[in-house]
Amino acid sequence: MIANRLFRLQGLQASLVVQRSSYCNGIVNQVKKLSSQDVQHLQDIHEFRIEITGHSPAYLRYNKKPGEEIDLYTTVVPTSLEGNGVAKILTKAALQFAREEDLPVRPTCWYVEGFLKRNPQQDLKIIQLQK
């Protein structure tokens, strides 16, 4: 009896692992297809956003001083989408906007700051943060 229950539990656990694996692969496939074209720019609320069905939106928020600078201050990616390059896509969209508007970038968000260190942008003026 105990062996039978254990076997059913192991079967259930294996089934959950397979379902989770399929679910994760589906997310990865959805995210791999994303590009800056999939980013919504909601200028009225100063936000770049990506929405994927079944997940909370991922977003990058900013403050903009017209004609002066853009401060990229926070990037949020739901736990279910972490590690799939979503923050990178949002950051690229925000940097492209800064280029188009000819605005210097203040990277107060830790992710954006790290992205710029790993991927220098020669055609953008980056405002270095005081530490």
Protein backbone atom coordinates (compact mmCIF):
# COMPACT_ATOMS: atom_id res chain seq x y z
CA MET A 1 0.00 0.00 0.00
CA ILE A 2 2.75 2.45 0.94
CA ALA A 3 4.74 1.41 -2.16
CA ASN A 4 1.65 1.99 -4.33
CA ARG A 5 1.14 5.52 -2.93
CA LEU A 6 4.83 6.30 -3.34
CA PHE A 7 4.70 5.13 -6.94
CA ARG A 8 1.66 7.37 -7.61
CA LEU A 9 3.41 10.33 -5.97
CA GLN A 10 6.53 9.77 -8.05
CA GLY A 11 4.35 9.55 -11.17
CA LEU A 12 2.59 12.79 -10.24
CA GLN A 13 5.92 14.49 -9.57
CA ALA A 14 7.29 13.35 -12.95
CA SER A 15 4.11 14.60 -14.63
CA LEU A 16 4.49 18.01 -12.99
CA VAL A 17 8.12 18.23 -14.09
CA VAL A 18 7.14 17.48 -17.70
CA GLN A 19 4.31 20.04 -17.59
CA ARG A 20 6.61 22.68 -16.09
CA SER A 21 9.27 21.95 -18.69
CA SER A 22 6.75 22.31 -21.53
CA TYR A 23 5.44 25.54 -19.99
CA CYS A 24 8.96 26.98 -19.65
CA ASN A 25 9.84 26.01 -23.22
CA GLY A 26 6.68 27.79 -24.39
CA ILE A 27 7.72 30.97 -22.57
CA VAL A 28 11.23 30.80 -24.01
CA ASN A 29 9.83 30.35 -27.52
CA GLN A 30 7.50 33.34 -27.06
CA VAL A 31 10.29 35.54 -25.71
CA LYS A 32 12.80 34.49 -28.39
CA LYS A 33 10.42 35.91 -30.99
CA LEU A 34 10.27 39.31 -29.25
CA SER A 35 12.11 42.38 -30.47
CA SER A 36 12.01 46.11 -29.86
CA GLN A 37 9.06 46.14 -32.31
CA ASP A 38 6.99 44.34 -29.63
CA VAL A 39 7.60 47.04 -27.03
CA GLN A 40 4.76 49.47 -26.39
CA HIS A 41 5.87 53.00 -25.61
CA LEU A 42 3.29 54.58 -23.33
CA GLN A 43 4.57 58.15 -23.34
CA ASP A 44 1.76 59.54 -21.19
CA ILE A 45 2.92 57.39 -18.24
CA HIS A 46 6.64 57.33 -19.23
CA GLU A 47 6.81 53.58 -19.67
CA PHE A 48 8.10 51.00 -22.14
CA ARG A 49 6.07 47.79 -21.79
CA ILE A 50 6.00 44.22 -23.06
CA GLU A 51 2.88 42.14 -22.52
CA ILE A 52 2.93 38.36 -22.88
CA THR A 53 -0.31 36.44 -22.45
CA GLY A 54 -0.55 34.77 -19.06
CA HIS A 55 2.06 37.01 -17.40
CA SER A 56 2.14 40.36 -15.70
CA PRO A 57 3.56 43.08 -17.96
CA ALA A 58 7.29 43.75 -17.98
CA TYR A 59 8.19 47.43 -18.05
CA LEU A 60 10.93 50.04 -17.94
CA ARG A 61 9.95 53.41 -16.48
CA TYR A 62 11.60 56.75 -16.99
CA ASN A 63 11.46 60.44 -16.18
CA LYS A 64 12.00 62.85 -19.02
CA LYS A 65 13.10 66.42 -18.79
CA PRO A 66 12.20 67.76 -22.26
CA GLY A 67 15.28 68.79 -24.17
CA GLU A 68 17.53 67.87 -21.23
CA GLU A 69 17.73 64.15 -20.40
CA ILE A 70 15.92 60.86 -19.89
CA ASP A 71 16.33 59.08 -16.56
CA LEU A 72 15.78 55.31 -16.93
CA TYR A 73 15.03 54.57 -13.29
CA THR A 74 13.43 51.12 -12.99
CA THR A 75 13.00 47.91 -14.95
CA VAL A 76 10.56 45.25 -13.76
CA VAL A 77 10.25 41.77 -15.26
CA PRO A 78 7.85 39.23 -13.73
CA THR A 79 9.56 36.26 -12.10
CA SER A 80 7.96 33.97 -14.68
CA LEU A 81 9.86 35.76 -17.47
CA GLU A 82 13.20 36.43 -15.75
CA GLY A 83 16.37 35.31 -17.50
CA ASN A 84 14.87 35.40 -20.99
CA GLY A 85 16.19 38.75 -22.24
CA VAL A 86 13.03 40.78 -21.65
CA ALA A 87 14.83 43.56 -19.73
CA LYS A 88 17.38 43.74 -22.55
CA ILE A 89 14.64 44.26 -25.14
CA LEU A 90 13.04 47.00 -23.03
CA THR A 91 16.41 48.70 -22.51
CA LYS A 92 17.21 48.66 -26.24
CA ALA A 93 13.84 50.26 -27.00
CA ALA A 94 14.41 52.98 -24.39
CA LEU A 95 17.91 53.71 -25.71
CA GLN A 96 16.56 53.93 -29.26
CA PHE A 97 13.99 56.47 -28.06
CA ALA A 98 16.77 58.50 -26.40
CA ARG A 99 18.70 58.43 -29.70
CA GLU A 100 15.68 59.59 -31.71
CA GLU A 101 14.99 62.40 -29.24
CA ASP A 102 18.69 63.26 -28.97
CA LEU A 103 18.52 62.99 -25.17
CA PRO A 104 21.37 62.13 -22.80
CA VAL A 105 20.65 59.02 -20.72
CA ARG A 106 20.82 58.90 -16.92
CA PRO A 107 20.88 55.15 -16.05
CA THR A 108 19.69 55.14 -12.42
CA CYS A 109 18.23 51.63 -12.86
CA TRP A 110 20.86 49.03 -11.91
CA TYR A 111 19.96 46.85 -14.90
CA VAL A 112 20.29 49.68 -17.43
CA GLU A 113 23.58 50.79 -15.86
CA GLY A 114 24.96 47.24 -16.17
CA PHE A 115 23.67 46.90 -19.73
CA LEU A 116 25.49 50.08 -20.74
CA LYS A 117 28.73 48.85 -19.15
CA ARG A 118 28.46 45.57 -21.09
CA ASN A 119 27.26 47.26 -24.28
CA PRO A 120 28.80 50.73 -24.67
CA GLN A 121 26.71 53.10 -26.79
CA GLN A 122 29.10 55.36 -28.66
CA ASP A 123 26.30 57.39 -30.22
CA LEU A 124 24.60 58.27 -26.92
CA LYS A 125 25.63 60.65 -24.19
CA ILE A 126 25.52 58.76 -20.89
CA ILE A 127 25.32 60.78 -17.70
CA GLN A 128 27.63 59.07 -15.22
CA LEU A 129 26.12 58.55 -11.80
CA GLN A 130 27.85 59.90 -8.72
CA LYS A 131 28.68 57.02 -6.35
